[in-house]
Every structure is written in structure tokens, then in C-alpha cells.
Amino acid sequence: STERTAERLYVLVNRRYEARLPTVATTNYDVADLCGRGYDVIVSRILEDGGHVVKLGKVAEDQRMAR
């Protein structure tokens, strides 16, 4: 990720937050990993005001990487 990518993602999430629009984000990383990768401000915005993270299923090897 680059600073520009993180900044653009924050703008997107923040606009949806301010407009009170629902937002669903998917990732292979847990909250701690995202914060460690510099997305802590974005995670904070998503979790603010009742947002939550739901982890579904089990962690599995990426099949694309196994080829």
C-alpha cells in the first residue's frame, strides 16, 4: 500500500461515514494487522459509532498463490 492508496481509501470511507451510508469492507487481515499496515485511521472510522468487524470462516491458504 502507498500513502496515496491509504489516503484515497480514507476519503471514500469518511464520505460514506458522514453520509451515514452502510459500508462493507472485506480483507484477509484482522484489525491489528490493518492498524500495523497504516490503516489505523480507516479502521477507527469504520468501528466508530457502532461499526464492527465480523470474521467469518477459517483462514485458508490463498489458492492463487499455491499455483
C-alpha atoms as a PDB file:
ATOM      1  CA  SER A   1       0.000   0.000   0.000  1.00  0.00           C
ATOM      2  CA  THR A   2       1.085   3.522  -0.636  1.00  0.00           C
ATOM      3  CA  GLU A   3       0.277   6.721   1.213  1.00  0.00           C
ATOM      4  CA  ARG A   4      -1.894   7.753  -1.700  1.00  0.00           C
ATOM      5  CA  THR A   5      -3.858   4.496  -1.584  1.00  0.00           C
ATOM      6  CA  ALA A   6      -4.471   4.855   2.146  1.00  0.00           C
ATOM      7  CA  GLU A   7      -5.497   8.483   1.714  1.00  0.00           C
ATOM      8  CA  ARG A   8      -7.968   7.714  -1.082  1.00  0.00           C
ATOM      9  CA  LEU A   9      -9.433   4.817   0.882  1.00  0.00           C
ATOM     10  CA  TYR A  10      -9.887   7.075   3.905  1.00  0.00           C
ATOM     11  CA  VAL A  11     -11.666   9.694   1.773  1.00  0.00           C
ATOM     12  CA  LEU A  12     -14.053   7.019   0.494  1.00  0.00           C
ATOM     13  CA  VAL A  13     -14.780   5.579   3.947  1.00  0.00           C
ATOM     14  CA  ASN A  14     -15.117   9.021   5.515  1.00  0.00           C
ATOM     15  CA  ARG A  15     -17.575  10.256   2.875  1.00  0.00           C
ATOM     16  CA  ARG A  16     -19.749   7.196   3.411  1.00  0.00           C
ATOM     17  CA  TYR A  17     -19.486   7.649   7.182  1.00  0.00           C
ATOM     18  CA  GLU A  18     -20.506  11.304   7.031  1.00  0.00           C
ATOM     19  CA  ALA A  19     -23.424  10.486   4.713  1.00  0.00           C
ATOM     20  CA  ARG A  20     -24.481   7.700   7.126  1.00  0.00           C
ATOM     21  CA  LEU A  21     -24.278   5.123   4.335  1.00  0.00           C
ATOM     22  CA  PRO A  22     -23.628   1.469   5.101  1.00  0.00           C
ATOM     23  CA  THR A  23     -20.178   0.227   4.173  1.00  0.00           C
ATOM     24  CA  VAL A  24     -18.964  -3.342   3.920  1.00  0.00           C
ATOM     25  CA  ALA A  25     -15.232  -3.950   3.638  1.00  0.00           C
ATOM     26  CA  THR A  26     -13.536  -7.281   3.081  1.00  0.00           C
ATOM     27  CA  THR A  27      -9.934  -8.146   3.793  1.00  0.00           C
ATOM     28  CA  ASN A  28      -7.669 -11.053   4.612  1.00  0.00           C
ATOM     29  CA  TYR A  29      -6.215  -9.117   7.568  1.00  0.00           C
ATOM     30  CA  ASP A  30      -7.510  -8.749  11.099  1.00  0.00           C
ATOM     31  CA  VAL A  31      -7.877  -5.362  12.790  1.00  0.00           C
ATOM     32  CA  ALA A  32      -4.415  -5.484  14.399  1.00  0.00           C
ATOM     33  CA  ASP A  33      -2.772  -6.276  11.044  1.00  0.00           C
ATOM     34  CA  LEU A  34      -4.607  -3.419   9.327  1.00  0.00           C
ATOM     35  CA  CYS A  35      -3.552  -0.984  12.037  1.00  0.00           C
ATOM     36  CA  GLY A  36       0.030  -2.187  11.741  1.00  0.00           C
ATOM     37  CA  ARG A  37      -0.093  -1.563   7.991  1.00  0.00           C
ATOM     38  CA  GLY A  38      -1.040   2.089   8.454  1.00  0.00           C
ATOM     39  CA  TYR A  39      -4.801   1.811   8.106  1.00  0.00           C
ATOM     40  CA  ASP A  40      -5.491   2.605  11.769  1.00  0.00           C
ATOM     41  CA  VAL A  41      -7.368   5.829  10.960  1.00  0.00           C
ATOM     42  CA  ILE A  42      -9.610   3.992   8.494  1.00  0.00           C
ATOM     43  CA  VAL A  43     -10.263   1.128  10.915  1.00  0.00           C
ATOM     44  CA  SER A  44     -11.097   3.660  13.622  1.00  0.00           C
ATOM     45  CA  ARG A  45     -13.604   5.375  11.331  1.00  0.00           C
ATOM     46  CA  ILE A  46     -15.258   2.064  10.400  1.00  0.00           C
ATOM     47  CA  LEU A  47     -15.511   0.933  14.032  1.00  0.00           C
ATOM     48  CA  GLU A  48     -16.710   4.309  15.287  1.00  0.00           C
ATOM     49  CA  ASP A  49     -20.359   4.787  16.096  1.00  0.00           C
ATOM     50  CA  GLY A  50     -21.338   1.130  16.327  1.00  0.00           C
ATOM     51  CA  GLY A  51     -19.409  -0.357  13.422  1.00  0.00           C
ATOM     52  CA  HIS A  52     -17.991  -3.799  13.911  1.00  0.00           C
ATOM     53  CA  VAL A  53     -15.845  -6.443  12.333  1.00  0.00           C
ATOM     54  CA  VAL A  54     -17.141  -9.951  11.784  1.00  0.00           C
ATOM     55  CA  LYS A  55     -14.652 -12.663  10.968  1.00  0.00           C
ATOM     56  CA  LEU A  56     -16.228 -15.500   9.028  1.00  0.00           C
ATOM     57  CA  GLY A  57     -14.872 -18.915   8.229  1.00  0.00           C
ATOM     58  CA  LYS A  58     -11.372 -20.157   8.695  1.00  0.00           C
ATOM     59  CA  VAL A  59      -8.097 -18.830   7.459  1.00  0.00           C
ATOM     60  CA  ALA A  60      -7.075 -20.794   4.406  1.00  0.00           C
ATOM     61  CA  GLU A  61      -4.159 -20.726   2.024  1.00  0.00           C
ATOM     62  CA  ASP A  62      -4.697 -18.476  -0.952  1.00  0.00           C
ATOM     63  CA  GLN A  63      -5.345 -20.887  -3.820  1.00  0.00           C
ATOM     64  CA  ARG A  64      -3.973 -18.418  -6.362  1.00  0.00           C
ATOM     65  CA  MET A  65      -0.615 -18.421  -4.570  1.00  0.00           C
ATOM     66  CA  ALA A  66      -0.498 -22.248  -4.477  1.00  0.00           C
ATOM     67  CA  ARG A  67      -0.247 -22.489  -8.279  1.00  0.00           C
END
